Amino acid sequence: MGAMPSVAMRPRPEALRVTEIFYSLQGEAGTVGAPTVFVRLTGCPLRCHYCDTAYAFHGGEKMSIIRILDRVGEHAAKFVTVTGGEPLAQRGCLTLLSSLCDRGYRVSLETSGALDVQAVDPRVIKVMDLKTPGSGEERRNRWENLNYLRPHDELKFVICNRQDYDWARTKVSELKLGERWTVFFSASYGELSSRLLADWILADHLNVRLQIQLHKYLWGDQPGR
């Protein structure tokens, strides 16, 4: 009989650094208003000027995937959103996404699109945030990710000003985004009026959906809501 592997050689269960796990209403995207469990992973390589989750850049608690699944299971929810930060910055995020799908949840991933999404489980709804010039991170857009999106995936543009709107409108037209996926335009909270953005969309007859961050209107900037 061969020697037992040493402790150092034994495979370790994957773990992720988690900022928070909470139960709330989905505030954005296609399942807006639905009771949802959110798993917010720690860390992000981007620094968008309007970021409202900078508290997730550092710290967090290291948790095994099994423990995360148990925490999610404490809530009677059909929907689970894995968010950040940038969740794909942690390699174990891919395993977590697949594990959640295996348990029968409808799973969405909120990602900046700056990291490769090719390996994301095809059952997951990818909500990819394309960065406008006003975000300060336009150069980080990984446009080849569009090749790995499926019809159920969604795109989001956070619009800071008229320049952002014109840029996003051009991208939607040039890349025929609205013909391939649901596209959301969202006004940067506290920076651009949603009503003004609505007027621009209607004036240009754009094939996009106006998105208002429901959770901000209900609870403001309160973390974990």
C-alpha atoms as a PDB file:
ATOM      1  CA  MET A   1       0.000   0.000   0.000  1.00  0.00           C
ATOM      2  CA  GLY A   2       1.372   3.382  -0.955  1.00  0.00           C
ATOM      3  CA  ALA A   3       2.037   6.058   1.561  1.00  0.00           C
ATOM      4  CA  MET A   4      -0.799   8.389   2.465  1.00  0.00           C
ATOM      5  CA  PRO A   5      -0.368  11.875   1.006  1.00  0.00           C
ATOM      6  CA  SER A   6       0.952  14.424   3.431  1.00  0.00           C
ATOM      7  CA  VAL A   7      -1.323  17.197   4.612  1.00  0.00           C
ATOM      8  CA  ALA A   8       0.477  19.582   2.275  1.00  0.00           C
ATOM      9  CA  MET A   9      -0.279  17.309  -0.713  1.00  0.00           C
ATOM     10  CA  ARG A  10      -3.986  16.824  -0.048  1.00  0.00           C
ATOM     11  CA  PRO A  11      -6.305  18.927  -2.220  1.00  0.00           C
ATOM     12  CA  ARG A  12      -7.824  21.791  -0.302  1.00  0.00           C
ATOM     13  CA  PRO A  13     -11.479  22.740  -0.772  1.00  0.00           C
ATOM     14  CA  GLU A  14     -11.830  25.932  -2.771  1.00  0.00           C
ATOM     15  CA  ALA A  15     -12.502  29.023  -0.743  1.00  0.00           C
ATOM     16  CA  LEU A  16     -13.457  32.551  -1.676  1.00  0.00           C
ATOM     17  CA  ARG A  17     -13.120  35.873   0.054  1.00  0.00           C
ATOM     18  CA  VAL A  18     -16.636  37.188   0.658  1.00  0.00           C
ATOM     19  CA  THR A  19     -17.630  40.722   1.650  1.00  0.00           C
ATOM     20  CA  GLU A  20     -21.287  39.945   2.376  1.00  0.00           C
ATOM     21  CA  ILE A  21     -24.179  37.598   1.696  1.00  0.00           C
ATOM     22  CA  PHE A  22     -27.622  39.153   1.984  1.00  0.00           C
ATOM     23  CA  TYR A  23     -31.243  38.758   0.938  1.00  0.00           C
ATOM     24  CA  SER A  24     -32.966  41.629  -0.810  1.00  0.00           C
ATOM     25  CA  LEU A  25     -34.888  42.643  -3.923  1.00  0.00           C
ATOM     26  CA  GLN A  26     -32.987  42.616  -7.183  1.00  0.00           C
ATOM     27  CA  GLY A  27     -32.562  46.263  -8.098  1.00  0.00           C
ATOM     28  CA  GLU A  28     -31.363  45.903 -11.678  1.00  0.00           C
ATOM     29  CA  ALA A  29     -31.416  43.860 -14.879  1.00  0.00           C
ATOM     30  CA  GLY A  30     -34.014  41.387 -16.104  1.00  0.00           C
ATOM     31  CA  THR A  31     -35.161  40.086 -12.712  1.00  0.00           C
ATOM     32  CA  VAL A  32     -35.621  43.516 -11.120  1.00  0.00           C
ATOM     33  CA  GLY A  33     -37.946  43.359  -8.122  1.00  0.00           C
ATOM     34  CA  ALA A  34     -37.451  39.630  -7.515  1.00  0.00           C
ATOM     35  CA  PRO A  35     -36.387  38.434  -4.028  1.00  0.00           C
ATOM     36  CA  THR A  36     -32.743  37.438  -4.475  1.00  0.00           C
ATOM     37  CA  VAL A  37     -29.776  36.256  -2.450  1.00  0.00           C
ATOM     38  CA  PHE A  38     -26.673  38.306  -3.218  1.00  0.00           C
ATOM     39  CA  VAL A  39     -23.164  36.931  -2.768  1.00  0.00           C
ATOM     40  CA  ARG A  40     -20.739  39.838  -2.904  1.00  0.00           C
ATOM     41  CA  LEU A  41     -17.169  38.696  -3.445  1.00  0.00           C
ATOM     42  CA  THR A  42     -14.215  40.810  -2.361  1.00  0.00           C
ATOM     43  CA  GLY A  43     -11.780  42.514  -4.699  1.00  0.00           C
ATOM     44  CA  CYS A  44     -11.859  44.414  -7.979  1.00  0.00           C
ATOM     45  CA  PRO A  45      -9.095  45.457 -10.412  1.00  0.00           C
ATOM     46  CA  LEU A  46     -11.146  48.428 -11.674  1.00  0.00           C
ATOM     47  CA  ARG A  47     -11.721  51.812 -10.089  1.00  0.00           C
ATOM     48  CA  CYS A  48     -14.814  53.330 -11.711  1.00  0.00           C
ATOM     49  CA  HIS A  49     -15.301  56.854 -10.396  1.00  0.00           C
ATOM     50  CA  TYR A  50     -18.972  56.229  -9.521  1.00  0.00           C
ATOM     51  CA  CYS A  51     -18.392  52.909  -7.734  1.00  0.00           C
ATOM     52  CA  ASP A  52     -20.798  52.434  -4.823  1.00  0.00           C
ATOM     53  CA  THR A  53     -19.220  49.251  -3.465  1.00  0.00           C
ATOM     54  CA  ALA A  54     -15.665  50.390  -2.753  1.00  0.00           C
ATOM     55  CA  TYR A  55     -16.044  48.741   0.657  1.00  0.00           C
ATOM     56  CA  ALA A  56     -15.719  45.422  -1.211  1.00  0.00           C
ATOM     57  CA  PHE A  57     -12.264  46.209  -2.617  1.00  0.00           C
ATOM     58  CA  HIS A  58     -10.442  44.780   0.396  1.00  0.00           C
ATOM     59  CA  GLY A  59     -11.001  42.647   3.480  1.00  0.00           C
ATOM     60  CA  GLY A  60     -13.895  40.225   3.498  1.00  0.00           C
ATOM     61  CA  GLU A  61     -14.114  36.798   5.095  1.00  0.00           C
ATOM     62  CA  LYS A  62     -12.597  33.660   3.631  1.00  0.00           C
ATOM     63  CA  MET A  63     -15.379  31.109   3.173  1.00  0.00           C
ATOM     64  CA  SER A  64     -15.524  27.643   1.657  1.00  0.00           C
ATOM     65  CA  ILE A  65     -17.914  27.148  -1.230  1.00  0.00           C
ATOM     66  CA  ILE A  66     -19.904  24.681   0.882  1.00  0.00           C
ATOM     67  CA  ARG A  67     -20.356  27.309   3.576  1.00  0.00           C
ATOM     68  CA  ILE A  68     -21.423  29.886   0.998  1.00  0.00           C
ATOM     69  CA  LEU A  69     -23.987  27.440  -0.388  1.00  0.00           C
ATOM     70  CA  ASP A  70     -25.293  26.802   3.116  1.00  0.00           C
ATOM     71  CA  ARG A  71     -25.669  30.537   3.743  1.00  0.00           C
ATOM     72  CA  VAL A  72     -27.521  31.002   0.467  1.00  0.00           C
ATOM     73  CA  GLY A  73     -29.784  28.089   1.369  1.00  0.00           C
ATOM     74  CA  GLU A  74     -30.935  29.847   4.540  1.00  0.00           C
ATOM     75  CA  HIS A  75     -33.235  31.959   2.352  1.00  0.00           C
ATOM     76  CA  ALA A  76     -36.185  30.643   0.367  1.00  0.00           C
ATOM     77  CA  ALA A  77     -35.099  32.301  -2.868  1.00  0.00           C
ATOM     78  CA  LYS A  78     -35.054  31.063  -6.449  1.00  0.00           C
ATOM     79  CA  PHE A  79     -32.643  33.750  -7.629  1.00  0.00           C
ATOM     80  CA  VAL A  80     -28.990  34.183  -6.675  1.00  0.00           C
ATOM     81  CA  THR A  81     -26.720  36.986  -7.899  1.00  0.00           C
ATOM     82  CA  VAL A  82     -22.943  36.753  -7.587  1.00  0.00           C
ATOM     83  CA  THR A  83     -21.516  40.248  -7.615  1.00  0.00           C
ATOM     84  CA  GLY A  84     -18.599  42.297  -6.328  1.00  0.00           C
ATOM     85  CA  GLY A  85     -16.295  44.056  -6.651  1.00  0.00           C
ATOM     86  CA  GLU A  86     -15.452  42.044  -9.703  1.00  0.00           C
ATOM     87  CA  PRO A  87     -16.351  38.436  -8.839  1.00  0.00           C
ATOM     88  CA  LEU A  88     -14.311  36.883 -11.651  1.00  0.00           C
ATOM     89  CA  ALA A  89     -11.156  38.311 -10.075  1.00  0.00           C
ATOM     90  CA  GLN A  90     -11.292  35.238  -7.806  1.00  0.00           C
ATOM     91  CA  ARG A  91     -10.687  31.978  -9.658  1.00  0.00           C
ATOM     92  CA  GLY A  92     -13.030  30.022  -7.399  1.00  0.00           C
ATOM     93  CA  CYS A  93     -15.961  32.125  -8.600  1.00  0.00           C
ATOM     94  CA  LEU A  94     -16.395  29.758 -11.568  1.00  0.00           C
ATOM     95  CA  THR A  95     -16.838  26.786  -9.232  1.00  0.00           C
ATOM     96  CA  LEU A  96     -19.278  28.724  -7.068  1.00  0.00           C
ATOM     97  CA  LEU A  97     -21.406  29.659 -10.078  1.00  0.00           C
ATOM     98  CA  SER A  98     -21.626  26.055 -11.271  1.00  0.00           C
ATOM     99  CA  SER A  99     -22.365  24.806  -7.758  1.00  0.00           C
ATOM    100  CA  LEU A 100     -25.248  27.254  -7.409  1.00  0.00           C
ATOM    101  CA  CYS A 101     -26.667  26.144 -10.769  1.00  0.00           C
ATOM    102  CA  ASP A 102     -26.357  22.507  -9.698  1.00  0.00           C
ATOM    103  CA  ARG A 103     -28.559  23.299  -6.696  1.00  0.00           C
ATOM    104  CA  GLY A 104     -31.318  24.546  -8.960  1.00  0.00           C
ATOM    105  CA  TYR A 105     -30.978  28.287  -8.475  1.00  0.00           C
ATOM    106  CA  ARG A 106     -31.424  30.776 -11.285  1.00  0.00           C
ATOM    107  CA  VAL A 107     -27.999  32.374 -11.152  1.00  0.00           C
ATOM    108  CA  SER A 108     -26.793  35.703 -12.502  1.00  0.00           C
ATOM    109  CA  LEU A 109     -23.269  37.092 -12.554  1.00  0.00           C
ATOM    110  CA  GLU A 110     -22.635  40.824 -12.406  1.00  0.00           C
ATOM    111  CA  THR A 111     -19.305  41.415 -14.131  1.00  0.00           C
ATOM    112  CA  SER A 112     -17.457  44.413 -15.515  1.00  0.00           C
ATOM    113  CA  GLY A 113     -16.562  42.571 -18.695  1.00  0.00           C
ATOM    114  CA  ALA A 114     -12.912  43.436 -18.125  1.00  0.00           C
ATOM    115  CA  LEU A 115     -12.072  39.790 -17.386  1.00  0.00           C
ATOM    116  CA  ASP A 116     -12.533  36.727 -19.590  1.00  0.00           C
ATOM    117  CA  VAL A 117     -16.067  35.284 -19.318  1.00  0.00           C
ATOM    118  CA  GLN A 118     -15.487  32.331 -21.653  1.00  0.00           C
ATOM    119  CA  ALA A 119     -15.333  29.733 -18.858  1.00  0.00           C
ATOM    120  CA  VAL A 120     -18.487  30.887 -17.048  1.00  0.00           C
ATOM    121  CA  ASP A 121     -21.071  28.098 -16.778  1.00  0.00           C
ATOM    122  CA  PRO A 122     -23.494  28.511 -19.729  1.00  0.00           C
ATOM    123  CA  ARG A 123     -26.453  28.209 -17.344  1.00  0.00           C
ATOM    124  CA  VAL A 124     -25.472  31.478 -15.682  1.00  0.00           C
ATOM    125  CA  ILE A 125     -27.011  34.756 -16.856  1.00  0.00           C
ATOM    126  CA  LYS A 126     -24.083  37.092 -17.398  1.00  0.00           C
ATOM    127  CA  VAL A 127     -24.915  40.763 -16.796  1.00  0.00           C
ATOM    128  CA  MET A 128     -21.942  42.530 -18.351  1.00  0.00           C
ATOM    129  CA  ASP A 129     -21.297  46.194 -17.587  1.00  0.00           C
ATOM    130  CA  LEU A 130     -19.590  47.865 -20.550  1.00  0.00           C
ATOM    131  CA  LYS A 131     -17.558  50.773 -19.242  1.00  0.00           C
ATOM    132  CA  THR A 132     -18.264  54.211 -20.681  1.00  0.00           C
ATOM    133  CA  PRO A 133     -15.662  57.011 -20.949  1.00  0.00           C
ATOM    134  CA  GLY A 134     -17.230  58.676 -17.903  1.00  0.00           C
ATOM    135  CA  SER A 135     -16.420  55.646 -15.757  1.00  0.00           C
ATOM    136  CA  GLY A 136     -12.702  56.277 -16.173  1.00  0.00           C
ATOM    137  CA  GLU A 137     -12.218  52.614 -17.142  1.00  0.00           C
ATOM    138  CA  GLU A 138     -13.243  52.508 -20.822  1.00  0.00           C
ATOM    139  CA  ARG A 139      -9.849  51.067 -21.783  1.00  0.00           C
ATOM    140  CA  ARG A 140     -10.577  47.967 -19.695  1.00  0.00           C
ATOM    141  CA  ASN A 141     -13.477  46.797 -21.875  1.00  0.00           C
ATOM    142  CA  ARG A 142     -12.706  43.311 -23.195  1.00  0.00           C
ATOM    143  CA  TRP A 143     -14.743  43.451 -26.383  1.00  0.00           C
ATOM    144  CA  GLU A 144     -13.958  39.843 -27.321  1.00  0.00           C
ATOM    145  CA  ASN A 145     -16.210  38.843 -24.416  1.00  0.00           C
ATOM    146  CA  LEU A 146     -19.162  39.583 -26.688  1.00  0.00           C
ATOM    147  CA  ASN A 147     -18.244  36.392 -28.551  1.00  0.00           C
ATOM    148  CA  TYR A 148     -18.999  34.355 -25.423  1.00  0.00           C
ATOM    149  CA  LEU A 149     -22.404  35.788 -24.564  1.00  0.00           C
ATOM    150  CA  ARG A 150     -25.580  33.768 -25.017  1.00  0.00           C
ATOM    151  CA  PRO A 151     -29.050  35.080 -25.898  1.00  0.00           C
ATOM    152  CA  HIS A 152     -30.111  35.062 -22.225  1.00  0.00           C
ATOM    153  CA  ASP A 153     -27.201  37.291 -21.191  1.00  0.00           C
ATOM    154  CA  GLU A 154     -27.592  41.047 -20.689  1.00  0.00           C
ATOM    155  CA  LEU A 155     -25.545  44.199 -21.235  1.00  0.00           C
ATOM    156  CA  LYS A 156     -25.501  47.348 -19.136  1.00  0.00           C
ATOM    157  CA  PHE A 157     -24.157  50.856 -19.717  1.00  0.00           C
ATOM    158  CA  VAL A 158     -23.910  53.278 -16.787  1.00  0.00           C
ATOM    159  CA  ILE A 159     -24.353  56.722 -18.329  1.00  0.00           C
ATOM    160  CA  CYS A 160     -22.706  59.690 -16.614  1.00  0.00           C
ATOM    161  CA  ASN A 161     -23.382  62.492 -19.114  1.00  0.00           C
ATOM    162  CA  ARG A 162     -24.317  63.260 -22.723  1.00  0.00           C
ATOM    163  CA  GLN A 163     -20.871  62.197 -23.969  1.00  0.00           C
ATOM    164  CA  ASP A 164     -21.375  58.774 -22.393  1.00  0.00           C
ATOM    165  CA  TYR A 165     -24.828  58.506 -23.921  1.00  0.00           C
ATOM    166  CA  ASP A 166     -23.571  59.314 -27.427  1.00  0.00           C
ATOM    167  CA  TRP A 167     -20.722  56.822 -27.008  1.00  0.00           C
ATOM    168  CA  ALA A 168     -23.039  54.059 -25.798  1.00  0.00           C
ATOM    169  CA  ARG A 169     -25.604  54.808 -28.512  1.00  0.00           C
ATOM    170  CA  THR A 170     -22.867  54.430 -31.140  1.00  0.00           C
ATOM    171  CA  LYS A 171     -21.690  51.109 -29.673  1.00  0.00           C
ATOM    172  CA  VAL A 172     -25.240  49.732 -29.584  1.00  0.00           C
ATOM    173  CA  SER A 173     -25.699  50.667 -33.241  1.00  0.00           C
ATOM    174  CA  GLU A 174     -22.276  49.610 -34.581  1.00  0.00           C
ATOM    175  CA  LEU A 175     -22.248  46.251 -32.802  1.00  0.00           C
ATOM    176  CA  LYS A 176     -26.001  45.623 -33.179  1.00  0.00           C
ATOM    177  CA  LEU A 177     -26.153  44.916 -29.455  1.00  0.00           C
ATOM    178  CA  GLY A 178     -29.891  45.448 -29.091  1.00  0.00           C
ATOM    179  CA  GLU A 179     -30.580  42.824 -31.753  1.00  0.00           C
ATOM    180  CA  ARG A 180     -28.600  40.183 -29.875  1.00  0.00           C
ATOM    181  CA  TRP A 181     -29.144  40.852 -26.171  1.00  0.00           C
ATOM    182  CA  THR A 182     -31.225  42.914 -23.772  1.00  0.00           C
ATOM    183  CA  VAL A 183     -29.383  46.211 -23.289  1.00  0.00           C
ATOM    184  CA  PHE A 184     -29.916  48.437 -20.245  1.00  0.00           C
ATOM    185  CA  PHE A 185     -29.022  52.118 -19.954  1.00  0.00           C
ATOM    186  CA  SER A 186     -28.722  53.307 -16.356  1.00  0.00           C
ATOM    187  CA  ALA A 187     -28.117  56.885 -15.222  1.00  0.00           C
ATOM    188  CA  SER A 188     -25.184  57.235 -12.854  1.00  0.00           C
ATOM    189  CA  TYR A 189     -26.904  57.705  -9.490  1.00  0.00           C
ATOM    190  CA  GLY A 190     -26.723  61.307  -8.298  1.00  0.00           C
ATOM    191  CA  GLU A 191     -24.878  62.379 -11.447  1.00  0.00           C
ATOM    192  CA  LEU A 192     -27.421  62.218 -14.278  1.00  0.00           C
ATOM    193  CA  SER A 193     -31.201  62.474 -14.181  1.00  0.00           C
ATOM    194  CA  SER A 194     -32.993  59.270 -15.171  1.00  0.00           C
ATOM    195  CA  ARG A 195     -35.738  61.426 -16.659  1.00  0.00           C
ATOM    196  CA  LEU A 196     -33.229  63.189 -18.921  1.00  0.00           C
ATOM    197  CA  LEU A 197     -31.763  59.847 -19.980  1.00  0.00           C
ATOM    198  CA  ALA A 198     -35.288  58.632 -20.752  1.00  0.00           C
ATOM    199  CA  ASP A 199     -35.868  61.668 -22.956  1.00  0.00           C
ATOM    200  CA  TRP A 200     -32.668  60.965 -24.919  1.00  0.00           C
ATOM    201  CA  ILE A 201     -33.607  57.302 -25.431  1.00  0.00           C
ATOM    202  CA  LEU A 202     -37.074  58.205 -26.677  1.00  0.00           C
ATOM    203  CA  ALA A 203     -35.806  60.970 -28.966  1.00  0.00           C
ATOM    204  CA  ASP A 204     -33.418  58.532 -30.665  1.00  0.00           C
ATOM    205  CA  HIS A 205     -35.839  55.564 -30.719  1.00  0.00           C
ATOM    206  CA  LEU A 206     -33.143  53.361 -29.193  1.00  0.00           C
ATOM    207  CA  ASN A 207     -33.688  49.625 -28.799  1.00  0.00           C
ATOM    208  CA  VAL A 208     -32.607  49.653 -25.148  1.00  0.00           C
ATOM    209  CA  ARG A 209     -34.310  49.554 -21.757  1.00  0.00           C
ATOM    210  CA  LEU A 210     -34.037  52.341 -19.208  1.00  0.00           C
ATOM    211  CA  GLN A 211     -32.896  50.940 -15.876  1.00  0.00           C
ATOM    212  CA  ILE A 212     -33.515  52.641 -12.547  1.00  0.00           C
ATOM    213  CA  GLN A 213     -31.670  51.149  -9.584  1.00  0.00           C
ATOM    214  CA  LEU A 214     -34.673  50.076  -7.520  1.00  0.00           C
ATOM    215  CA  HIS A 215     -32.639  49.391  -4.376  1.00  0.00           C
ATOM    216  CA  LYS A 216     -31.250  52.946  -4.389  1.00  0.00           C
ATOM    217  CA  TYR A 217     -34.749  54.410  -4.439  1.00  0.00           C
ATOM    218  CA  LEU A 218     -35.874  52.102  -1.633  1.00  0.00           C
ATOM    219  CA  TRP A 219     -32.830  52.148   0.662  1.00  0.00           C
ATOM    220  CA  GLY A 220     -30.362  54.699  -0.704  1.00  0.00           C
ATOM    221  CA  ASP A 221     -26.685  53.767  -0.460  1.00  0.00           C
ATOM    222  CA  GLN A 222     -27.160  51.456   2.532  1.00  0.00           C
ATOM    223  CA  PRO A 223     -24.740  48.482   2.169  1.00  0.00           C
ATOM    224  CA  GLY A 224     -26.258  45.036   2.099  1.00  0.00           C
ATOM    225  CA  ARG A 225     -29.523  46.204   0.544  1.00  0.00           C
END
